[in-house]
């Protein structure tokens, strides 16, 4: 019965991860609580994720990475990029720098730092950012597998392996194979990838406009031409692909074929921004002029600014109304762009997600506040904060010392990372509040909540059952074929759900498969770690993909076209090389 209950919880978790009906951290906690209530795991086992080495280590690495980011240690890198005037050299240098950083700094934080730098440099040179942003995401993922601390997935696999089978990895044990993956990724993106990357134009030029499709909320003023029209009659001929999503009245959608537009209603429209704006002008609709006290000087120059909700942003999960966005940033939201535009409510009531882009109407003076806010990434030219050379240097030294102490065997990587965090606070390179803010607590809760599922799979025999089925299918072809199957399973799952969740599901199966075949589990664990950390074929598979998807104005098919061949190349490479570096 425990086995069937575990499989039912796992199936529900996979469904929720893939459909994104709930946030991944909420799903993970729901999994842990469900297994505890059903009696599959004990209370200590349900809470073991919070004391797990991987969870603690990931939190510590967020703090160490946050110090580098906050003190401007990487801004000099942006200055170097800005001076390059050849596209091929810019791409090569950018990927080399990102690879060097992402091997030791969380790759999501790395992309968050490099994204505005690349946008600013490409726009200044009149190059299409879409030619460079997918490579930025892909190389950060490939570099993350070079060290044990490069991604949270590597740490998670290591921790689960140590607890289950006393098999672990050293800090640089991944490096030989990881460097090969980075080299292959760079060669592919410099050759075939360059031909496949789309040209979406230069922001602000005649060949490009605002990013993607927006949802805008427009007020029907007295005397507007649409008053009295039914929903199907609202848009005039020639409105291109603008769509009426809802008619909002008193904050709620009104539906029905006989509903007619009234003065004071709001129309929720979706389309390219230039089409929405043309429709607004032709129909004499207005942006709702909320927060009139923000007007200030009516003659002051105002700008449209596109700002992305950054990973780990304090805005995530909150609504514009709930956080009094207009007063906080002295800006009004005119439109919202989201990867999945299933918005059917007033914009100020929509909980924000990572990767959302807000089209803001703001005075020039307010732009500076937007640029320094860590929760937003301004998509246009982004002024950089002044670098505190002393703090930036000391932050880099602390990070290097923490890595060196673990690499030389003086102490465990967890101990050295925690000591590094303490050093940052004691040296006042970060204050305690900044250290807490640097941690992406959604990732921590995801790890803590999903680890009990791996324990349940091992306790109930679910992992052995899956391993037996896998061996029945491909085991007679030998351990190499089985390794390829595990890599393919992990890679496929990761394209549609959290990489950490897919690793938790596959690690017990990998260990059970190795036991059944009577071989060393390390090659199979390496396959899980590498496959879960390199997700190229969809924009929803990894946070870095989601960030560049929005910023580069890509289409879903761009990732399939460019990422799928790279996934296949990595699968073949892993199948051939993992047994050479980690014999069975």
Protein backbone atom coordinates (compact mmCIF):
# COMPACT_ATOMS: atom_id res chain seq x y z
CA UNK A 1 0.00 0.00 0.00
CA UNK A 2 2.86 2.42 0.81
CA UNK A 3 4.26 1.83 -2.66
CA UNK A 4 0.95 2.66 -4.36
CA UNK A 5 0.51 5.75 -2.17
CA UNK A 6 4.03 6.91 -3.06
CA UNK A 7 3.41 6.39 -6.77
CA UNK A 8 0.12 8.31 -6.52
CA UNK A 9 1.84 11.25 -4.78
CA UNK A 10 4.64 11.16 -7.36
CA UNK A 11 2.15 11.15 -10.26
CA UNK A 12 0.31 14.12 -8.73
CA UNK A 13 3.59 15.98 -8.23
CA UNK A 14 4.70 15.39 -11.82
CA UNK A 15 1.32 16.63 -13.07
CA UNK A 16 1.56 19.80 -10.99
CA UNK A 17 5.18 20.40 -11.95
CA UNK A 18 4.43 20.05 -15.67
CA UNK A 19 1.18 22.06 -15.70
CA UNK A 20 2.51 24.76 -13.31
CA UNK A 21 -0.89 25.00 -11.63
CA UNK A 22 0.97 25.66 -8.38
CA UNK A 23 4.43 27.08 -7.72
CA UNK A 24 7.17 24.46 -7.58
CA UNK A 25 8.02 25.17 -3.94
CA UNK A 26 4.35 24.80 -2.95
CA UNK A 27 4.16 21.49 -4.84
CA UNK A 28 7.30 20.25 -3.08
CA UNK A 29 5.94 21.08 0.37
CA UNK A 30 2.61 19.49 -0.58
CA UNK A 31 4.51 16.31 -1.51
CA UNK A 32 6.32 16.20 1.85
CA UNK A 33 3.15 16.82 3.85
CA UNK A 34 1.17 14.24 1.83
CA UNK A 35 3.78 11.54 2.41
CA UNK A 36 3.85 12.37 6.13
CA UNK A 37 0.06 12.38 6.56
CA UNK A 38 -0.27 9.11 4.62
CA UNK A 39 2.32 7.51 6.89
CA UNK A 40 4.77 6.70 4.11
CA UNK A 41 7.59 8.65 5.78
CA UNK A 42 8.22 9.45 9.43
CA UNK A 43 8.32 13.00 10.81
CA UNK A 44 12.17 13.09 10.92
CA UNK A 45 12.25 11.83 7.31
CA UNK A 46 9.69 14.44 6.18
CA UNK A 47 11.79 17.20 7.75
CA UNK A 48 15.16 15.78 6.68
CA UNK A 49 15.20 17.96 3.57
CA UNK A 50 15.67 21.06 5.71
CA UNK A 51 18.84 19.68 7.30
CA UNK A 52 20.11 18.03 4.14
CA UNK A 53 23.64 19.03 3.07
CA UNK A 54 22.41 20.05 -0.39
CA UNK A 55 19.80 22.42 1.02
CA UNK A 56 22.25 24.11 3.39
CA UNK A 57 24.96 24.27 0.72
CA UNK A 58 22.66 25.84 -1.88
CA UNK A 59 21.58 28.51 0.62
CA UNK A 60 25.22 29.28 1.43
CA UNK A 61 26.16 29.52 -2.27
CA UNK A 62 23.29 31.97 -2.84
CA UNK A 63 24.83 34.22 -0.18
CA UNK A 64 28.37 33.95 -1.59
CA UNK A 65 27.10 34.66 -5.11
CA UNK A 66 24.93 37.50 -3.82
CA UNK A 67 27.95 39.28 -2.38
CA UNK A 68 29.72 39.24 -5.76
CA UNK A 69 26.60 40.56 -7.45
CA UNK A 70 25.76 43.24 -4.88
CA UNK A 71 29.29 44.63 -4.64
CA UNK A 72 29.71 44.89 -8.40
CA UNK A 73 32.48 42.34 -8.77
CA UNK A 74 31.25 41.41 -12.26
CA UNK A 75 30.66 44.90 -13.65
CA UNK A 76 34.22 45.09 -15.00
CA UNK A 77 33.29 42.08 -17.12
CA UNK A 78 30.48 44.12 -18.67
CA UNK A 79 32.91 46.93 -19.44
CA UNK A 80 35.10 44.44 -21.31
CA UNK A 81 32.13 43.21 -23.38
CA UNK A 82 31.07 46.75 -24.25
CA UNK A 83 34.42 47.42 -25.98
CA UNK A 84 34.14 44.51 -28.46
CA UNK A 85 32.98 45.47 -31.97
CA UNK A 86 32.99 42.10 -33.81
CA UNK A 87 29.96 39.82 -33.42
CA UNK A 88 31.87 36.54 -33.47
CA UNK A 89 34.44 37.81 -30.95
CA UNK A 90 31.71 39.26 -28.73
CA UNK A 91 29.92 35.88 -28.70
CA UNK A 92 33.13 33.97 -27.99
CA UNK A 93 34.29 36.29 -25.19
CA UNK A 94 30.81 36.43 -23.65
CA UNK A 95 30.51 32.64 -23.51
CA UNK A 96 34.05 32.27 -22.14
CA UNK A 97 33.41 34.78 -19.36
CA UNK A 98 30.02 33.32 -18.49
CA UNK A 99 31.46 29.79 -18.42
CA UNK A 100 34.21 30.89 -16.03
CA UNK A 101 31.74 32.53 -13.68
CA UNK A 102 28.85 30.03 -13.86
CA UNK A 103 31.10 27.12 -12.88
CA UNK A 104 31.32 28.62 -9.38
CA UNK A 105 28.43 31.09 -9.12
CA UNK A 106 24.78 30.05 -9.34
CA UNK A 107 23.97 30.14 -13.07
CA UNK A 108 20.63 31.93 -12.61
CA UNK A 109 22.42 34.74 -10.75
CA UNK A 110 25.11 34.75 -13.45
CA UNK A 111 22.55 35.26 -16.23
CA UNK A 112 20.75 37.93 -14.16
CA UNK A 113 24.04 39.87 -14.01
CA UNK A 114 25.06 39.35 -17.64
CA UNK A 115 21.61 39.86 -19.22
CA UNK A 116 21.47 43.67 -18.92
CA UNK A 117 25.16 43.92 -19.83
CA UNK A 118 24.63 41.94 -23.04
CA UNK A 119 21.47 43.88 -23.88
CA UNK A 120 23.25 47.20 -23.41
CA UNK A 121 26.30 46.15 -25.46
CA UNK A 122 24.30 44.64 -28.34
CA UNK A 123 21.92 47.59 -28.54
CA UNK A 124 24.83 50.04 -28.57
CA UNK A 125 26.38 48.13 -31.48
CA UNK A 126 23.00 47.85 -33.28
CA UNK A 127 23.04 44.04 -33.05
CA UNK A 128 19.95 41.91 -32.43
CA UNK A 129 20.04 40.61 -28.81
CA UNK A 130 18.29 37.44 -30.02
CA UNK A 131 21.60 36.40 -31.60
CA UNK A 132 23.30 36.27 -28.19
CA UNK A 133 20.80 35.56 -25.39
CA UNK A 134 20.13 31.86 -26.05
CA UNK A 135 23.92 31.25 -26.04
CA UNK A 136 24.08 33.15 -22.73
CA UNK A 137 21.55 30.76 -21.18
CA UNK A 138 22.92 27.57 -22.71
CA UNK A 139 26.57 28.18 -21.81
CA UNK A 140 25.64 29.05 -18.21
CA UNK A 141 23.93 25.66 -17.89
CA UNK A 142 26.78 23.75 -19.50
CA UNK A 143 29.32 25.46 -17.23
CA UNK A 144 27.29 24.68 -14.13
CA UNK A 145 28.11 20.96 -14.42
CA UNK A 146 31.87 21.58 -14.23
CA UNK A 147 31.99 21.67 -10.42
CA UNK A 148 30.02 20.25 -7.53
CA UNK A 149 28.81 23.76 -6.60
CA UNK A 150 27.96 24.91 -10.12
CA UNK A 151 24.27 24.03 -9.79
CA UNK A 152 21.94 23.04 -6.99
CA UNK A 153 21.24 19.80 -8.90
CA UNK A 154 24.86 18.61 -8.57
CA UNK A 155 24.72 19.19 -4.83
CA UNK A 156 21.38 17.43 -4.56
CA UNK A 157 22.58 14.35 -6.46
CA UNK A 158 25.73 14.22 -4.34
CA UNK A 159 23.77 14.50 -1.09
CA UNK A 160 21.20 11.84 -2.02
CA UNK A 161 23.94 9.49 -3.21
CA UNK A 162 25.90 9.84 0.03
CA UNK A 163 22.83 9.12 2.15
CA UNK A 164 21.66 6.16 0.06
CA UNK A 165 24.86 4.43 -0.96
CA UNK A 166 27.79 6.25 0.69
CA UNK A 167 28.91 7.38 -2.79
CA UNK A 168 29.84 11.04 -3.15
CA UNK A 169 31.75 13.42 -5.37
CA UNK A 170 34.64 15.79 -4.80
CA UNK A 171 34.51 19.47 -5.73
CA UNK A 172 36.17 19.09 -9.14
CA UNK A 173 35.28 15.48 -9.94
CA UNK A 174 32.78 16.65 -12.56
CA UNK A 175 35.33 18.96 -14.20
CA UNK A 176 36.93 16.75 -16.92
CA UNK A 177 33.59 15.77 -18.44
CA UNK A 178 32.07 19.19 -17.72
CA UNK A 179 34.84 20.97 -19.64
CA UNK A 180 34.16 18.70 -22.63
CA UNK A 181 30.46 19.66 -22.46
CA UNK A 182 31.34 23.36 -22.31
CA UNK A 183 33.67 23.00 -25.31
CA UNK A 184 31.01 21.18 -27.35
CA UNK A 185 28.40 23.79 -26.41
CA UNK A 186 30.68 26.66 -27.44
CA UNK A 187 31.65 25.06 -30.76
CA UNK A 188 28.00 24.28 -31.56
CA UNK A 189 26.83 27.83 -30.75
CA UNK A 190 29.70 29.42 -32.67
CA UNK A 191 28.95 27.37 -35.81
CA UNK A 192 25.57 25.68 -36.30
CA UNK A 193 23.92 27.69 -33.53
CA UNK A 194 24.84 31.01 -35.14
CA UNK A 195 23.00 29.96 -38.29
CA UNK A 196 19.90 28.82 -36.40
CA UNK A 197 19.64 31.80 -34.03
CA UNK A 198 16.83 34.14 -35.18
CA UNK A 199 17.19 37.88 -35.79
CA UNK A 200 14.40 39.64 -33.89
CA UNK A 201 15.75 43.11 -34.59
CA UNK A 202 17.42 45.78 -32.48
CA UNK A 203 15.24 47.24 -29.69
CA UNK A 204 14.08 50.72 -30.59
CA UNK A 205 14.82 50.33 -34.30
CA UNK A 206 12.41 50.06 -37.18
CA UNK A 207 12.91 46.28 -37.21
CA UNK A 208 11.87 45.72 -33.60
CA UNK A 209 9.37 47.03 -31.12
CA UNK A 210 8.28 46.16 -27.63
CA UNK A 211 8.89 42.62 -26.44
CA UNK A 212 6.24 40.13 -27.56
CA UNK A 213 2.51 40.43 -26.87
CA UNK A 214 1.21 42.43 -23.96
CA UNK A 215 -2.02 42.40 -22.03
CA UNK A 216 -3.27 45.96 -21.45
CA UNK A 217 -6.20 47.25 -19.42
CA UNK A 218 -7.93 50.28 -20.99
CA UNK A 219 -10.64 52.50 -19.52
CA UNK A 220 -13.84 53.21 -21.46
CA UNK A 221 -14.33 56.94 -20.91
CA UNK A 222 -17.58 58.89 -21.35
CA UNK A 223 -18.31 59.37 -25.02
CA UNK A 224 -16.06 56.54 -26.25
CA UNK A 225 -17.22 54.99 -29.51
CA UNK A 226 -17.37 51.47 -28.07
CA UNK A 227 -20.15 52.27 -25.58
CA UNK A 228 -23.20 50.16 -26.35
CA UNK A 229 -21.32 47.62 -28.47
CA UNK A 230 -21.30 43.90 -27.81
CA UNK A 231 -18.00 42.14 -27.23
CA UNK A 232 -17.78 40.86 -30.81
CA UNK A 233 -18.30 44.41 -32.08
CA UNK A 234 -15.79 46.21 -29.86
CA UNK A 235 -12.74 46.14 -32.13
CA UNK A 236 -12.88 48.06 -35.41
CA UNK A 237 -11.77 46.58 -38.71
CA UNK A 238 -7.99 46.73 -39.17
CA UNK A 239 -7.18 46.00 -35.50
CA UNK A 240 -4.68 43.37 -36.66
CA UNK A 241 -4.29 40.61 -34.07
CA UNK A 242 -5.55 42.56 -31.05
CA UNK A 243 -7.95 40.40 -29.02
CA UNK A 244 -10.53 41.37 -26.39
CA UNK A 245 -9.88 39.02 -23.46
CA UNK A 246 -12.49 40.36 -21.04
CA UNK A 247 -14.87 43.22 -20.33
CA UNK A 248 -14.26 44.20 -16.71
CA UNK A 249 -16.95 45.93 -14.66
CA UNK A 250 -16.47 46.81 -10.99
CA UNK A 251 -13.29 44.72 -10.97
CA UNK A 252 -14.88 41.51 -12.32
CA UNK A 253 -15.35 40.03 -15.79
CA UNK A 254 -18.87 40.25 -17.24
CA UNK A 255 -19.78 37.56 -19.72
CA UNK A 256 -22.63 36.76 -22.05
CA UNK A 257 -23.53 37.40 -25.67
CA UNK A 258 -25.92 40.19 -24.76
CA UNK A 259 -23.46 42.16 -22.59
CA UNK A 260 -22.79 45.64 -23.92
CA UNK A 261 -19.91 47.96 -23.06
CA UNK A 262 -20.72 50.80 -20.65
CA UNK A 263 -18.85 53.95 -19.65
CA UNK A 264 -16.47 53.14 -16.81
CA UNK A 265 -15.83 49.57 -18.00
CA UNK A 266 -12.32 48.39 -18.64
CA UNK A 267 -11.29 46.36 -21.66
CA UNK A 268 -8.60 43.73 -21.26
CA UNK A 269 -6.79 43.59 -24.62
CA UNK A 270 -3.98 41.34 -25.85
CA UNK A 271 -1.66 41.95 -28.80
CA UNK A 272 1.55 43.56 -29.98
CA UNK A 273 2.02 46.86 -28.22
CA UNK A 274 2.00 49.01 -31.34
CA UNK A 275 -1.34 47.44 -32.35
CA UNK A 276 -2.84 47.93 -28.88
CA UNK A 277 -1.74 51.55 -28.84
CA UNK A 278 -3.17 52.17 -32.33
CA UNK A 279 -6.47 50.60 -31.22
CA UNK A 280 -6.52 52.72 -28.07
CA UNK A 281 -6.09 55.93 -30.04
CA UNK A 282 -8.63 55.06 -32.72
CA UNK A 283 -11.29 54.09 -30.16
CA UNK A 284 -10.46 56.97 -27.78
CA UNK A 285 -9.82 54.66 -24.86
CA UNK A 286 -7.62 55.69 -21.96
CA UNK A 287 -5.14 54.22 -19.54
CA UNK A 288 -6.72 54.33 -16.10
CA UNK A 289 -5.14 57.38 -14.51
CA UNK A 290 -4.62 55.94 -11.04
CA UNK A 291 -2.48 57.54 -8.34
CA UNK A 292 -2.78 61.13 -9.56
CA UNK A 293 -0.45 62.22 -6.78
CA UNK A 294 2.38 60.62 -8.81
CA UNK A 295 2.03 63.11 -11.65
CA UNK A 296 4.38 65.74 -10.28
CA UNK A 297 5.46 68.03 -13.10
CA UNK A 298 2.95 67.42 -15.91
CA UNK A 299 5.46 68.78 -18.42
CA UNK A 300 8.24 66.43 -17.34
CA UNK A 301 9.43 63.93 -19.93
CA UNK A 302 7.91 60.48 -19.50
CA UNK A 303 9.20 57.21 -20.92
CA UNK A 304 7.93 53.72 -21.62
CA UNK A 305 10.26 51.32 -19.83
CA UNK A 306 10.22 47.52 -20.07
CA UNK A 307 11.31 45.88 -16.83
CA UNK A 308 11.54 42.12 -16.19
CA UNK A 309 10.74 40.48 -12.84
CA UNK A 310 14.09 38.95 -11.87
CA UNK A 311 14.68 35.49 -10.32
CA UNK A 312 14.40 35.74 -6.56
CA UNK A 313 12.61 39.10 -6.84
CA UNK A 314 10.61 40.35 -3.89
CA UNK A 315 7.82 41.07 -6.40
CA UNK A 316 7.16 37.40 -7.20
CA UNK A 317 3.79 36.21 -5.92
CA UNK A 318 2.60 39.73 -5.12
CA UNK A 319 0.10 41.86 -7.01
CA UNK A 320 0.66 45.42 -8.19
CA UNK A 321 -2.16 46.64 -5.95
CA UNK A 322 -0.98 44.69 -2.92
CA UNK A 323 2.52 46.16 -3.01
CA UNK A 324 1.36 49.67 -4.05
CA UNK A 325 3.65 49.40 -7.06
CA UNK A 326 2.87 52.85 -8.44
CA UNK A 327 3.84 54.65 -5.26
CA UNK A 328 6.89 52.46 -4.65
CA UNK A 329 8.39 53.00 -8.10
CA UNK A 330 6.65 56.23 -9.16
CA UNK A 331 5.51 54.41 -12.30
CA UNK A 332 2.25 53.17 -13.77
CA UNK A 333 1.92 49.75 -15.40
CA UNK A 334 0.46 50.07 -18.90
CA UNK A 335 0.97 46.46 -19.99
CA UNK A 336 2.06 43.02 -18.81
CA UNK A 337 3.89 40.45 -20.98
CA UNK A 338 3.93 36.85 -19.82
CA UNK A 339 5.06 33.63 -21.45
CA UNK A 340 1.56 32.20 -20.98
CA UNK A 341 -0.92 35.04 -21.43
CA UNK A 342 -3.82 33.39 -19.59
CA UNK A 343 -4.75 36.64 -17.82
CA UNK A 344 -8.46 37.23 -17.20
CA UNK A 345 -8.45 39.69 -14.31
CA UNK A 346 -7.49 43.32 -13.69
CA UNK A 347 -3.75 43.77 -14.12
CA UNK A 348 -3.28 45.10 -10.60
CA UNK A 349 -4.71 41.81 -9.25
CA UNK A 350 -2.40 39.46 -11.20
CA UNK A 351 0.29 37.75 -9.03
CA UNK A 352 3.66 38.37 -10.69
CA UNK A 353 5.91 35.53 -11.93
CA UNK A 354 9.62 35.41 -12.71
CA UNK A 355 10.16 36.49 -16.31
CA UNK A 356 7.09 38.76 -16.43
CA UNK A 357 7.80 42.01 -18.27
CA UNK A 358 6.05 45.18 -17.14
CA UNK A 359 5.60 48.05 -19.59
CA UNK A 360 5.91 51.08 -17.34
CA UNK A 361 4.99 54.70 -17.87
CA UNK A 362 7.45 56.62 -15.72
CA UNK A 363 9.17 60.00 -15.52
CA UNK A 364 12.87 60.08 -16.39
CA UNK A 365 13.75 60.70 -12.75
CA UNK A 366 12.14 57.40 -11.70
CA UNK A 367 14.28 55.30 -14.05
CA UNK A 368 17.27 55.43 -11.71
CA UNK A 369 15.26 53.73 -8.95
CA UNK A 370 14.16 51.02 -11.35
CA UNK A 371 17.74 50.36 -12.45
CA UNK A 372 19.12 49.82 -8.96
CA UNK A 373 16.25 47.62 -7.76
CA UNK A 374 17.43 43.98 -7.55
CA UNK A 375 13.92 42.72 -8.15
CA UNK A 376 13.72 44.19 -11.66
CA UNK A 377 15.90 43.96 -14.75
CA UNK A 378 15.48 47.01 -16.97
CA UNK A 379 15.45 45.71 -20.53
CA UNK A 380 16.80 48.85 -22.17
CA UNK A 381 20.13 50.60 -21.68
CA UNK A 382 20.98 49.99 -18.04
CA UNK A 383 23.24 52.30 -16.07
CA UNK A 384 25.50 50.33 -13.79
CA UNK A 385 26.10 51.04 -10.15
CA UNK A 386 29.48 52.31 -9.13
CA UNK A 387 31.77 49.45 -8.17
CA UNK A 388 33.06 49.39 -4.61
CA UNK A 389 36.51 48.06 -5.53
CA UNK A 390 37.46 47.08 -1.99
CA UNK A 391 34.25 45.21 -1.24
CA UNK A 392 34.18 43.60 -4.68
CA UNK A 393 37.75 42.35 -4.28
CA UNK A 394 37.17 41.05 -0.75
CA UNK A 395 33.96 39.30 -1.85
CA UNK A 396 35.86 37.52 -4.63
CA UNK A 397 38.63 36.55 -2.18
CA UNK A 398 36.13 35.09 0.29
CA UNK A 399 34.49 33.05 -2.50
CA UNK A 400 37.88 31.82 -3.73
CA UNK A 401 39.00 30.94 -0.19
CA UNK A 402 35.84 28.93 0.45
CA UNK A 403 36.37 26.95 -2.76
CA UNK A 404 40.10 26.46 -2.11
CA UNK A 405 39.55 25.20 1.45
CA UNK A 406 37.20 22.51 0.15
CA UNK A 407 39.36 21.64 -2.88
CA UNK A 408 42.47 21.19 -0.71
CA UNK A 409 40.60 18.94 1.72
CA UNK A 410 40.96 21.24 4.71
CA UNK A 411 37.22 21.03 5.42
CA UNK A 412 34.00 19.94 3.76
CA UNK A 413 32.47 22.17 1.11
CA UNK A 414 29.45 22.79 3.37
CA UNK A 415 31.65 23.93 6.25
CA UNK A 416 33.83 26.15 4.05
CA UNK A 417 30.79 27.75 2.39
CA UNK A 418 29.12 28.48 5.74
CA UNK A 419 32.39 29.92 7.04
CA UNK A 420 32.54 32.10 3.92
CA UNK A 421 29.01 33.40 4.63
CA UNK A 422 30.00 34.30 8.19
CA UNK A 423 33.12 36.06 6.88
CA UNK A 424 31.03 38.17 4.49
CA UNK A 425 28.85 39.42 7.36
CA UNK A 426 31.75 39.92 9.81
CA UNK A 427 33.72 41.89 7.20
CA UNK A 428 30.54 43.88 6.42
CA UNK A 429 30.61 42.92 2.78
CA UNK A 430 26.94 42.01 3.28
CA UNK A 431 24.69 42.93 6.16
CA UNK A 432 22.47 40.13 7.59
CA UNK A 433 19.35 41.40 5.82
CA UNK A 434 21.18 41.43 2.48
CA UNK A 435 22.37 37.87 3.11
CA UNK A 436 18.80 36.70 3.70
CA UNK A 437 17.61 38.57 0.59
CA UNK A 438 20.30 36.89 -1.54
CA UNK A 439 18.80 33.45 -0.87
CA UNK A 440 16.12 32.28 -3.29
CA UNK A 441 13.87 30.67 -0.70
CA UNK A 442 11.70 29.04 -3.36
CA UNK A 443 14.67 26.86 -4.37
CA UNK A 444 15.41 26.03 -0.72
CA UNK A 445 11.80 25.00 -0.05
CA UNK A 446 11.73 23.03 -3.31
CA UNK A 447 14.78 21.03 -2.23
CA UNK A 448 13.57 20.55 1.34
CA UNK A 449 10.10 19.45 0.23
CA UNK A 450 11.03 17.13 -2.62
CA UNK A 451 13.82 15.18 -0.87
CA UNK A 452 11.31 13.09 1.19
CA UNK A 453 9.90 11.78 -2.12
CA UNK A 454 13.28 10.25 -2.92
CA UNK A 455 13.35 8.68 0.55
CA UNK A 456 9.84 7.27 0.01
CA UNK A 457 10.80 5.78 -3.37
CA UNK A 458 13.69 3.96 -1.74
CA UNK A 459 11.76 2.78 1.35
CA UNK A 460 8.74 1.43 -0.51
CA UNK A 461 10.63 -0.32 -3.29
CA UNK A 462 9.42 2.08 -5.98
CA UNK A 463 12.96 2.75 -7.14
CA UNK A 464 13.71 -1.00 -7.39
CA UNK A 465 10.48 -1.56 -9.32
CA UNK A 466 11.37 1.19 -11.82
CA UNK A 467 14.93 -0.13 -12.08
CA UNK A 468 13.66 -3.65 -12.82
CA UNK A 469 11.41 -2.35 -15.59
CA UNK A 470 14.30 -0.36 -17.07
CA UNK A 471 16.60 -3.38 -16.98
CA UNK A 472 13.95 -5.54 -18.63
CA UNK A 473 13.78 -3.02 -21.48
CA UNK A 474 17.45 -2.26 -22.13
CA UNK A 475 19.50 -4.19 -19.57
CA UNK A 476 20.35 -7.04 -21.96
CA UNK A 477 22.18 -4.47 -24.13
CA UNK A 478 24.61 -3.80 -21.29
CA UNK A 479 25.26 -1.01 -18.75
CA UNK A 480 26.14 1.57 -21.43
CA UNK A 481 22.70 1.29 -23.04
CA UNK A 482 21.09 1.48 -19.59
CA UNK A 483 23.10 4.62 -18.83
CA UNK A 484 21.88 6.17 -22.10
CA UNK A 485 18.28 5.34 -21.13
CA UNK A 486 18.66 6.98 -17.70
CA UNK A 487 20.20 10.09 -19.29
CA UNK A 488 17.35 10.27 -21.82
CA UNK A 489 14.67 9.82 -19.11
CA UNK A 490 16.18 12.56 -16.95
CA UNK A 491 16.65 14.95 -19.87
CA UNK A 492 13.08 14.45 -21.10
CA UNK A 493 11.57 15.00 -17.65
CA UNK A 494 13.69 18.10 -17.07
CA UNK A 495 12.35 19.79 -20.21
CA UNK A 496 8.91 19.91 -18.63
CA UNK A 497 9.45 20.12 -14.87
CA UNK A 498 11.92 21.34 -12.26
CA UNK A 499 15.44 20.01 -12.76
CA UNK A 500 15.78 19.31 -9.05
CA UNK A 501 12.50 17.40 -9.00
CA UNK A 502 13.53 15.23 -11.95
CA UNK A 503 16.87 14.52 -10.24
CA UNK A 504 15.09 13.42 -7.04
CA UNK A 505 12.94 11.00 -9.04
CA UNK A 506 15.86 9.50 -11.01
CA UNK A 507 18.62 9.27 -8.38
CA UNK A 508 16.97 6.36 -6.47
CA UNK A 509 16.25 4.61 -9.79
CA UNK A 510 19.86 5.11 -10.90
CA UNK A 511 21.23 3.63 -7.66
CA UNK A 512 18.79 0.68 -7.75
CA UNK A 513 19.65 0.02 -11.41
CA UNK A 514 23.39 -0.05 -10.63
CA UNK A 515 22.76 -2.48 -7.74
CA UNK A 516 20.70 -4.77 -9.99
CA UNK A 517 23.41 -4.78 -12.66
CA UNK A 518 26.16 -5.20 -10.07
CA UNK A 519 28.11 -2.14 -11.25
CA UNK A 520 29.35 1.13 -9.74
CA UNK A 521 26.46 3.64 -9.40
CA UNK A 522 28.68 6.66 -10.11
CA UNK A 523 28.26 6.64 -13.91
CA UNK A 524 24.48 6.56 -13.58
CA UNK A 525 24.50 9.37 -11.00
CA UNK A 526 26.70 11.47 -13.29
CA UNK A 527 24.18 10.89 -16.09
CA UNK A 528 21.34 12.14 -13.87
CA UNK A 529 23.29 15.21 -12.71
CA UNK A 530 24.37 16.24 -16.20
CA UNK A 531 21.02 15.57 -17.88
CA UNK A 532 19.07 17.44 -15.20
CA UNK A 533 21.37 20.47 -15.36
CA UNK A 534 21.39 20.95 -19.14
CA UNK A 535 17.88 21.67 -20.45
CA UNK A 536 17.90 23.34 -23.84
CA UNK A 537 14.82 22.29 -25.82
CA UNK A 538 12.06 24.35 -24.14
CA UNK A 539 11.97 27.85 -22.62
CA UNK A 540 10.21 26.53 -19.50
CA UNK A 541 12.79 23.93 -18.53
CA UNK A 542 15.18 26.25 -16.69
CA UNK A 543 14.93 29.74 -15.21
CA UNK A 544 17.73 31.06 -17.41
CA UNK A 545 15.82 29.92 -20.51
CA UNK A 546 12.69 31.70 -19.28
CA UNK A 547 14.64 34.93 -18.71
CA UNK A 548 16.19 35.07 -22.16
CA UNK A 549 12.94 33.84 -23.80
CA UNK A 550 11.28 37.05 -22.74
CA UNK A 551 14.26 39.38 -23.19
CA UNK A 552 15.18 38.10 -26.65
CA UNK A 553 11.59 38.07 -27.95
CA UNK A 554 12.07 34.43 -28.91
CA UNK A 555 9.40 31.95 -29.95
CA UNK A 556 8.93 28.55 -28.31
CA UNK A 557 10.04 26.91 -31.56
CA UNK A 558 13.40 28.71 -31.41
CA UNK A 559 14.39 26.67 -28.36
CA UNK A 560 13.20 23.42 -29.95
CA UNK A 561 15.12 24.15 -33.17
CA UNK A 562 18.36 25.17 -31.47
CA UNK A 563 18.20 23.19 -28.23
CA UNK A 564 17.00 19.78 -29.41
CA UNK A 565 20.13 19.06 -31.53
CA UNK A 566 22.31 20.13 -28.59
CA UNK A 567 20.38 17.78 -26.27
CA UNK A 568 21.00 14.91 -28.69
CA UNK A 569 24.71 15.79 -29.00
CA UNK A 570 25.02 15.85 -25.19
CA UNK A 571 23.20 12.49 -24.93
CA UNK A 572 25.62 10.86 -27.38
CA UNK A 573 28.64 12.50 -25.73
CA UNK A 574 27.57 11.41 -22.26
CA UNK A 575 26.93 7.85 -23.38
CA UNK A 576 30.39 7.62 -24.93
CA UNK A 577 32.46 9.52 -22.36
CA UNK A 578 30.89 8.89 -18.94
CA UNK A 579 32.10 5.23 -18.90
CA UNK A 580 35.60 6.45 -19.85
CA UNK A 581 35.82 9.02 -17.04
CA UNK A 582 33.78 6.94 -14.53
CA UNK A 583 34.15 3.22 -15.34
CA UNK A 584 31.39 0.78 -14.42
